[in-house]
Amino acid sequence: MDSPPPRDLKPKKKAPSPRRDGREAAVQFLYGNEAQGAFDAAPEALAAFWSLRDAKPEVREFAEELIHGVVAHLGEIDSAIRTHLENYSMQRLAAVDRNLLRLGAYEILFASHIPPQAAINEAIEIAKRFGAEDSPRFVNGILDRILKR
């Protein structure tokens, strides 16, 4: 008698929530824009991005809200981040961390409909996925200082 084939014992990865997916997309867009040397949230730039990254309509809508907010307040956001960097300059930060901080700072400072602690927690989780080993702790520390100011 043959035994059944072994089951895959690895837990299946749960799909991210639409809001987490939207935040991840926003960070990816900001990262790509920065790598190209300019923050351009024009419809054409967003259309080009979405042609490369599949997303549900609610994910796109949330991501674009975040992207437009970060771009609109970039000077204020970068100033808030610089204020809390110790022994670092913005240019020394890893690009992923820099754009995660921008997104988190935008949510804390300007997105009143998003609880600040949720913004920090989401940034930490995204840092675990896209950043370096010490990124989650670093992002948490800077965003926490921005929140407490």
N, C-alpha and C. Protein backbone atom coordinates (compact mmCIF):
# COMPACT_ATOMS: atom_id res chain seq x y z
N MET A 1 0.84 -1.17 0.00
CA MET A 1 0.00 0.00 0.00
C MET A 1 0.89 1.24 0.00
N ASP A 2 0.62 2.16 -0.92
CA ASP A 2 1.41 3.38 -1.04
C ASP A 2 0.90 4.42 -0.06
N SER A 3 1.83 5.14 0.50
CA SER A 3 1.44 6.23 1.39
C SER A 3 1.23 7.50 0.55
N PRO A 4 0.41 8.40 1.04
CA PRO A 4 0.16 9.63 0.28
C PRO A 4 1.43 10.46 0.23
N PRO A 5 1.56 11.27 -0.80
CA PRO A 5 2.76 12.12 -0.90
C PRO A 5 2.82 13.07 0.29
N PRO A 6 4.02 13.42 0.72
CA PRO A 6 4.14 14.33 1.87
C PRO A 6 3.54 15.69 1.55
N ARG A 7 2.91 16.24 2.55
CA ARG A 7 2.32 17.57 2.38
C ARG A 7 3.39 18.63 2.55
N ASP A 8 3.20 19.70 1.87
CA ASP A 8 4.10 20.83 2.04
C ASP A 8 3.86 21.40 3.43
N LEU A 9 4.85 21.31 4.29
CA LEU A 9 4.69 21.74 5.67
C LEU A 9 5.04 23.21 5.88
N LYS A 10 5.54 23.86 4.85
CA LYS A 10 5.85 25.27 4.98
C LYS A 10 4.55 26.06 5.05
N PRO A 11 4.47 26.99 5.99
CA PRO A 11 3.24 27.80 6.04
C PRO A 11 3.16 28.69 4.81
N LYS A 12 1.96 28.81 4.30
CA LYS A 12 1.76 29.66 3.14
C LYS A 12 1.84 31.11 3.57
N LYS A 13 2.49 31.91 2.73
CA LYS A 13 2.58 33.33 3.03
C LYS A 13 1.24 33.98 2.80
N LYS A 14 0.83 34.73 3.79
CA LYS A 14 -0.42 35.44 3.70
C LYS A 14 -0.21 36.69 2.85
N ALA A 15 -1.13 36.98 1.98
CA ALA A 15 -1.02 38.18 1.15
C ALA A 15 -1.11 39.41 2.05
N PRO A 16 -0.32 40.44 1.74
CA PRO A 16 -0.39 41.64 2.58
C PRO A 16 -1.75 42.31 2.44
N SER A 17 -2.12 43.03 3.49
CA SER A 17 -3.38 43.77 3.44
C SER A 17 -3.28 44.83 2.34
N PRO A 18 -4.40 45.31 1.83
CA PRO A 18 -4.33 46.35 0.79
C PRO A 18 -3.56 47.59 1.25
N ARG A 19 -3.68 47.95 2.52
CA ARG A 19 -2.97 49.14 3.00
C ARG A 19 -1.47 48.87 3.09
N ARG A 20 -1.08 47.69 3.55
CA ARG A 20 0.36 47.36 3.59
C ARG A 20 0.90 47.32 2.16
N ASP A 21 0.14 46.68 1.26
CA ASP A 21 0.57 46.61 -0.13
C ASP A 21 0.68 48.01 -0.73
N GLY A 22 -0.24 48.90 -0.38
CA GLY A 22 -0.19 50.27 -0.85
C GLY A 22 1.04 51.01 -0.33
N ARG A 23 1.37 50.78 0.94
CA ARG A 23 2.57 51.40 1.51
C ARG A 23 3.83 50.86 0.83
N GLU A 24 3.87 49.56 0.61
CA GLU A 24 5.02 48.96 -0.07
C GLU A 24 5.16 49.54 -1.47
N ALA A 25 4.05 49.68 -2.17
CA ALA A 25 4.09 50.25 -3.52
C ALA A 25 4.57 51.70 -3.47
N ALA A 26 4.10 52.45 -2.48
CA ALA A 26 4.52 53.85 -2.35
C ALA A 26 6.04 53.94 -2.13
N VAL A 27 6.57 53.08 -1.26
CA VAL A 27 8.01 53.08 -1.01
C VAL A 27 8.76 52.71 -2.29
N GLN A 28 8.27 51.73 -3.01
CA GLN A 28 8.92 51.32 -4.26
C GLN A 28 8.90 52.46 -5.27
N PHE A 29 7.78 53.16 -5.38
CA PHE A 29 7.68 54.29 -6.30
C PHE A 29 8.66 55.39 -5.90
N LEU A 30 8.66 55.76 -4.62
CA LEU A 30 9.55 56.82 -4.14
C LEU A 30 11.01 56.44 -4.34
N TYR A 31 11.34 55.19 -4.06
CA TYR A 31 12.71 54.70 -4.25
C TYR A 31 13.11 54.83 -5.72
N GLY A 32 12.24 54.38 -6.60
CA GLY A 32 12.53 54.45 -8.04
C GLY A 32 12.67 55.88 -8.53
N ASN A 33 11.79 56.76 -8.04
CA ASN A 33 11.87 58.17 -8.43
C ASN A 33 13.17 58.79 -7.96
N GLU A 34 13.54 58.51 -6.73
CA GLU A 34 14.77 59.08 -6.20
C GLU A 34 15.97 58.57 -7.00
N ALA A 35 15.96 57.31 -7.37
CA ALA A 35 17.06 56.75 -8.17
C ALA A 35 17.16 57.44 -9.53
N GLN A 36 16.04 57.94 -10.02
CA GLN A 36 16.04 58.65 -11.30
C GLN A 36 16.34 60.13 -11.14
N GLY A 37 16.47 60.58 -9.90
CA GLY A 37 16.90 61.95 -9.65
C GLY A 37 15.82 62.98 -9.45
N ALA A 38 14.56 62.60 -9.44
CA ALA A 38 13.48 63.57 -9.25
C ALA A 38 12.25 62.87 -8.71
N PHE A 39 11.49 63.62 -7.92
CA PHE A 39 10.22 63.07 -7.44
C PHE A 39 9.12 63.58 -8.35
N ASP A 40 8.58 62.69 -9.15
CA ASP A 40 7.59 63.04 -10.15
C ASP A 40 6.38 62.14 -9.95
N ALA A 41 5.32 62.74 -9.43
CA ALA A 41 4.09 61.97 -9.22
C ALA A 41 3.04 62.32 -10.28
N ALA A 42 3.51 62.73 -11.43
CA ALA A 42 2.60 63.05 -12.54
C ALA A 42 1.89 61.77 -12.98
N PRO A 43 0.71 61.92 -13.56
CA PRO A 43 -0.04 60.74 -14.00
C PRO A 43 0.77 59.79 -14.90
N GLU A 44 1.61 60.36 -15.75
CA GLU A 44 2.41 59.51 -16.65
C GLU A 44 3.41 58.67 -15.87
N ALA A 45 4.03 59.28 -14.85
CA ALA A 45 5.01 58.55 -14.03
C ALA A 45 4.32 57.43 -13.25
N LEU A 46 3.14 57.73 -12.71
CA LEU A 46 2.39 56.71 -11.98
C LEU A 46 1.93 55.60 -12.92
N ALA A 47 1.48 55.96 -14.11
CA ALA A 47 1.05 54.94 -15.08
C ALA A 47 2.21 54.03 -15.45
N ALA A 48 3.38 54.60 -15.63
CA ALA A 48 4.56 53.78 -15.95
C ALA A 48 4.89 52.83 -14.80
N PHE A 49 4.78 53.33 -13.57
CA PHE A 49 5.04 52.49 -12.40
C PHE A 49 4.03 51.34 -12.34
N TRP A 50 2.74 51.65 -12.48
CA TRP A 50 1.71 50.61 -12.38
C TRP A 50 1.79 49.62 -13.52
N SER A 51 2.38 49.99 -14.64
CA SER A 51 2.55 49.02 -15.73
C SER A 51 3.57 47.94 -15.34
N LEU A 52 4.41 48.26 -14.36
CA LEU A 52 5.42 47.30 -13.89
C LEU A 52 5.01 46.58 -12.63
N ARG A 53 4.03 47.09 -11.91
CA ARG A 53 3.63 46.51 -10.64
C ARG A 53 2.12 46.34 -10.61
N ASP A 54 1.70 45.11 -10.53
CA ASP A 54 0.28 44.81 -10.49
C ASP A 54 -0.27 45.14 -9.10
N ALA A 55 -1.45 45.72 -9.07
CA ALA A 55 -2.09 46.03 -7.79
C ALA A 55 -3.58 46.22 -8.00
N LYS A 56 -4.32 45.90 -6.96
CA LYS A 56 -5.77 46.09 -6.98
C LYS A 56 -6.08 47.59 -6.92
N PRO A 57 -7.27 47.99 -7.38
CA PRO A 57 -7.61 49.41 -7.39
C PRO A 57 -7.49 50.09 -6.03
N GLU A 58 -7.90 49.43 -4.95
CA GLU A 58 -7.81 50.06 -3.63
C GLU A 58 -6.36 50.23 -3.17
N VAL A 59 -5.49 49.34 -3.62
CA VAL A 59 -4.06 49.46 -3.31
C VAL A 59 -3.49 50.66 -4.06
N ARG A 60 -3.82 50.76 -5.33
CA ARG A 60 -3.34 51.89 -6.14
C ARG A 60 -3.81 53.22 -5.55
N GLU A 61 -5.08 53.27 -5.19
CA GLU A 61 -5.65 54.50 -4.65
C GLU A 61 -4.92 54.93 -3.37
N PHE A 62 -4.70 53.98 -2.46
CA PHE A 62 -4.02 54.30 -1.20
C PHE A 62 -2.56 54.68 -1.47
N ALA A 63 -1.89 53.93 -2.32
CA ALA A 63 -0.48 54.22 -2.64
C ALA A 63 -0.35 55.61 -3.25
N GLU A 64 -1.24 55.95 -4.16
CA GLU A 64 -1.15 57.26 -4.80
C GLU A 64 -1.44 58.39 -3.83
N GLU A 65 -2.35 58.16 -2.89
CA GLU A 65 -2.60 59.15 -1.84
C GLU A 65 -1.32 59.41 -1.06
N LEU A 66 -0.63 58.33 -0.69
CA LEU A 66 0.61 58.46 0.06
C LEU A 66 1.71 59.13 -0.77
N ILE A 67 1.84 58.70 -2.02
CA ILE A 67 2.86 59.26 -2.90
C ILE A 67 2.66 60.76 -3.07
N HIS A 68 1.44 61.17 -3.39
CA HIS A 68 1.16 62.59 -3.58
C HIS A 68 1.43 63.38 -2.30
N GLY A 69 1.09 62.79 -1.16
CA GLY A 69 1.34 63.46 0.11
C GLY A 69 2.82 63.65 0.39
N VAL A 70 3.60 62.60 0.17
CA VAL A 70 5.05 62.70 0.40
C VAL A 70 5.65 63.73 -0.54
N VAL A 71 5.30 63.68 -1.80
CA VAL A 71 5.87 64.62 -2.78
C VAL A 71 5.47 66.06 -2.44
N ALA A 72 4.23 66.28 -2.03
CA ALA A 72 3.75 67.62 -1.71
C ALA A 72 4.44 68.21 -0.49
N HIS A 73 4.84 67.37 0.44
CA HIS A 73 5.43 67.85 1.71
C HIS A 73 6.89 67.44 1.85
N LEU A 74 7.56 67.13 0.75
CA LEU A 74 8.90 66.56 0.81
C LEU A 74 9.89 67.43 1.60
N GLY A 75 9.88 68.71 1.40
CA GLY A 75 10.80 69.59 2.12
C GLY A 75 10.59 69.53 3.63
N GLU A 76 9.34 69.60 4.05
CA GLU A 76 9.03 69.55 5.48
C GLU A 76 9.36 68.18 6.07
N ILE A 77 9.08 67.14 5.31
CA ILE A 77 9.35 65.78 5.76
C ILE A 77 10.85 65.56 5.93
N ASP A 78 11.62 65.94 4.92
CA ASP A 78 13.08 65.77 5.00
C ASP A 78 13.67 66.59 6.14
N SER A 79 13.13 67.78 6.38
CA SER A 79 13.59 68.61 7.48
C SER A 79 13.32 67.92 8.83
N ALA A 80 12.14 67.35 8.98
CA ALA A 80 11.80 66.64 10.22
C ALA A 80 12.72 65.44 10.43
N ILE A 81 13.02 64.73 9.37
CA ILE A 81 13.91 63.57 9.49
C ILE A 81 15.32 64.04 9.86
N ARG A 82 15.83 65.06 9.17
CA ARG A 82 17.18 65.58 9.45
C ARG A 82 17.32 66.01 10.90
N THR A 83 16.27 66.60 11.45
CA THR A 83 16.30 67.06 12.84
C THR A 83 16.59 65.92 13.81
N HIS A 84 16.17 64.72 13.46
CA HIS A 84 16.29 63.59 14.38
C HIS A 84 17.40 62.61 14.02
N LEU A 85 18.14 62.90 12.98
CA LEU A 85 19.29 62.06 12.64
C LEU A 85 20.48 62.47 13.51
N GLU A 86 21.09 61.51 14.11
CA GLU A 86 22.29 61.78 14.91
C GLU A 86 23.47 61.13 14.21
N ASN A 87 24.48 61.94 13.91
CA ASN A 87 25.69 61.44 13.26
C ASN A 87 25.43 60.86 11.87
N TYR A 88 24.37 61.30 11.23
CA TYR A 88 24.04 60.86 9.88
C TYR A 88 23.61 62.06 9.06
N SER A 89 23.75 61.94 7.78
CA SER A 89 23.15 62.91 6.87
C SER A 89 22.13 62.13 6.04
N MET A 90 21.24 62.85 5.42
CA MET A 90 20.22 62.18 4.59
C MET A 90 20.88 61.33 3.50
N GLN A 91 21.99 61.84 2.95
CA GLN A 91 22.66 61.14 1.86
C GLN A 91 23.31 59.84 2.33
N ARG A 92 23.68 59.75 3.60
CA ARG A 92 24.30 58.54 4.12
C ARG A 92 23.30 57.42 4.38
N LEU A 93 22.04 57.77 4.48
CA LEU A 93 21.02 56.75 4.73
C LEU A 93 20.86 55.84 3.51
N ALA A 94 20.57 54.59 3.77
CA ALA A 94 20.23 53.69 2.67
C ALA A 94 18.97 54.22 2.00
N ALA A 95 18.90 54.12 0.70
CA ALA A 95 17.76 54.68 -0.05
C ALA A 95 16.43 54.08 0.41
N VAL A 96 16.41 52.80 0.73
CA VAL A 96 15.17 52.18 1.21
C VAL A 96 14.77 52.81 2.54
N ASP A 97 15.72 52.94 3.46
CA ASP A 97 15.42 53.53 4.77
C ASP A 97 14.96 54.98 4.62
N ARG A 98 15.64 55.72 3.78
CA ARG A 98 15.29 57.13 3.58
C ARG A 98 13.84 57.27 3.10
N ASN A 99 13.45 56.43 2.16
CA ASN A 99 12.09 56.53 1.62
C ASN A 99 11.05 55.94 2.56
N LEU A 100 11.42 54.96 3.35
CA LEU A 100 10.52 54.48 4.40
C LEU A 100 10.30 55.56 5.45
N LEU A 101 11.37 56.25 5.82
CA LEU A 101 11.25 57.35 6.78
C LEU A 101 10.37 58.46 6.21
N ARG A 102 10.52 58.75 4.95
CA ARG A 102 9.69 59.79 4.32
C ARG A 102 8.21 59.40 4.38
N LEU A 103 7.93 58.16 4.05
CA LEU A 103 6.53 57.71 4.08
C LEU A 103 5.99 57.75 5.51
N GLY A 104 6.74 57.18 6.46
CA GLY A 104 6.29 57.18 7.85
C GLY A 104 6.12 58.58 8.41
N ALA A 105 7.07 59.46 8.11
CA ALA A 105 6.98 60.84 8.59
C ALA A 105 5.77 61.54 7.99
N TYR A 106 5.51 61.29 6.71
CA TYR A 106 4.31 61.88 6.10
C TYR A 106 3.06 61.44 6.85
N GLU A 107 2.96 60.15 7.11
CA GLU A 107 1.77 59.64 7.79
C GLU A 107 1.64 60.23 9.20
N ILE A 108 2.74 60.36 9.92
CA ILE A 108 2.70 60.91 11.27
C ILE A 108 2.34 62.39 11.26
N LEU A 109 2.96 63.15 10.38
CA LEU A 109 2.83 64.60 10.40
C LEU A 109 1.62 65.14 9.64
N PHE A 110 1.20 64.46 8.59
CA PHE A 110 0.20 65.05 7.70
C PHE A 110 -1.05 64.21 7.45
N ALA A 111 -1.02 62.93 7.71
CA ALA A 111 -2.17 62.06 7.42
C ALA A 111 -2.95 61.83 8.72
N SER A 112 -3.79 62.79 9.06
CA SER A 112 -4.50 62.73 10.35
C SER A 112 -5.46 61.55 10.45
N HIS A 113 -5.82 60.96 9.33
CA HIS A 113 -6.74 59.82 9.34
C HIS A 113 -6.01 58.48 9.61
N ILE A 114 -4.69 58.54 9.73
CA ILE A 114 -3.90 57.33 9.99
C ILE A 114 -3.29 57.45 11.38
N PRO A 115 -3.57 56.49 12.28
CA PRO A 115 -2.98 56.55 13.62
C PRO A 115 -1.45 56.50 13.53
N PRO A 116 -0.76 57.42 14.19
CA PRO A 116 0.70 57.47 14.09
C PRO A 116 1.38 56.15 14.47
N GLN A 117 0.89 55.48 15.49
CA GLN A 117 1.53 54.22 15.88
C GLN A 117 1.36 53.16 14.79
N ALA A 118 0.24 53.19 14.08
CA ALA A 118 0.04 52.26 12.96
C ALA A 118 1.04 52.57 11.85
N ALA A 119 1.28 53.85 11.60
CA ALA A 119 2.25 54.24 10.58
C ALA A 119 3.64 53.73 10.94
N ILE A 120 4.02 53.86 12.20
CA ILE A 120 5.34 53.40 12.65
C ILE A 120 5.43 51.88 12.53
N ASN A 121 4.42 51.18 13.00
CA ASN A 121 4.43 49.72 12.93
C ASN A 121 4.51 49.22 11.49
N GLU A 122 3.78 49.86 10.61
CA GLU A 122 3.82 49.46 9.20
C GLU A 122 5.21 49.72 8.61
N ALA A 123 5.80 50.86 8.94
CA ALA A 123 7.14 51.17 8.43
C ALA A 123 8.15 50.13 8.92
N ILE A 124 8.03 49.71 10.16
CA ILE A 124 8.92 48.68 10.72
C ILE A 124 8.76 47.37 9.95
N GLU A 125 7.54 46.97 9.70
CA GLU A 125 7.30 45.72 8.99
C GLU A 125 7.83 45.77 7.55
N ILE A 126 7.67 46.90 6.90
CA ILE A 126 8.18 47.04 5.54
C ILE A 126 9.71 47.07 5.56
N ALA A 127 10.28 47.68 6.59
CA ALA A 127 11.74 47.69 6.73
C ALA A 127 12.28 46.28 6.90
N LYS A 128 11.54 45.43 7.59
CA LYS A 128 11.96 44.03 7.75
C LYS A 128 12.00 43.33 6.39
N ARG A 129 11.10 43.71 5.52
CA ARG A 129 11.02 43.06 4.22
C ARG A 129 12.02 43.61 3.21
N PHE A 130 12.19 44.93 3.19
CA PHE A 130 12.99 45.56 2.13
C PHE A 130 14.33 46.13 2.61
N GLY A 131 14.48 46.36 3.89
CA GLY A 131 15.68 47.01 4.40
C GLY A 131 16.76 46.04 4.82
N ALA A 132 17.79 46.60 5.41
CA ALA A 132 18.90 45.81 5.95
C ALA A 132 18.51 45.27 7.33
N GLU A 133 19.39 44.50 7.92
CA GLU A 133 19.10 43.87 9.20
C GLU A 133 18.76 44.88 10.29
N ASP A 134 19.46 46.01 10.32
CA ASP A 134 19.22 47.00 11.36
C ASP A 134 18.18 48.06 10.96
N SER A 135 17.63 47.97 9.78
CA SER A 135 16.65 48.96 9.30
C SER A 135 15.41 49.07 10.19
N PRO A 136 14.80 47.96 10.61
CA PRO A 136 13.59 48.11 11.43
C PRO A 136 13.84 48.92 12.70
N ARG A 137 14.93 48.65 13.39
CA ARG A 137 15.23 49.37 14.63
C ARG A 137 15.52 50.84 14.34
N PHE A 138 16.28 51.10 13.29
CA PHE A 138 16.62 52.47 12.91
C PHE A 138 15.37 53.27 12.54
N VAL A 139 14.54 52.70 11.67
CA VAL A 139 13.31 53.37 11.24
C VAL A 139 12.41 53.64 12.44
N ASN A 140 12.28 52.67 13.32
CA ASN A 140 11.47 52.83 14.53
C ASN A 140 11.97 54.00 15.37
N GLY A 141 13.28 54.06 15.58
CA GLY A 141 13.84 55.11 16.43
C GLY A 141 13.59 56.50 15.87
N ILE A 142 13.82 56.69 14.59
CA ILE A 142 13.63 58.02 13.98
C ILE A 142 12.16 58.41 13.96
N LEU A 143 11.29 57.49 13.55
CA LEU A 143 9.86 57.82 13.49
C LEU A 143 9.30 58.06 14.89
N ASP A 144 9.77 57.32 15.87
CA ASP A 144 9.32 57.54 17.25
C ASP A 144 9.71 58.93 17.72
N ARG A 145 10.92 59.38 17.38
CA ARG A 145 11.35 60.74 17.76
C ARG A 145 10.50 61.79 17.06
N ILE A 146 10.17 61.55 15.80
CA ILE A 146 9.33 62.50 15.07
C ILE A 146 7.95 62.57 15.74
N LEU A 147 7.41 61.44 16.13
CA LEU A 147 6.10 61.40 16.78
C LEU A 147 6.13 62.16 18.11
N LYS A 148 7.19 61.99 18.88
CA LYS A 148 7.25 62.59 20.22
C LYS A 148 7.58 64.08 20.21
N ARG A 149 8.04 64.61 19.09
CA ARG A 149 8.44 66.02 19.08
C ARG A 149 7.29 66.95 19.25
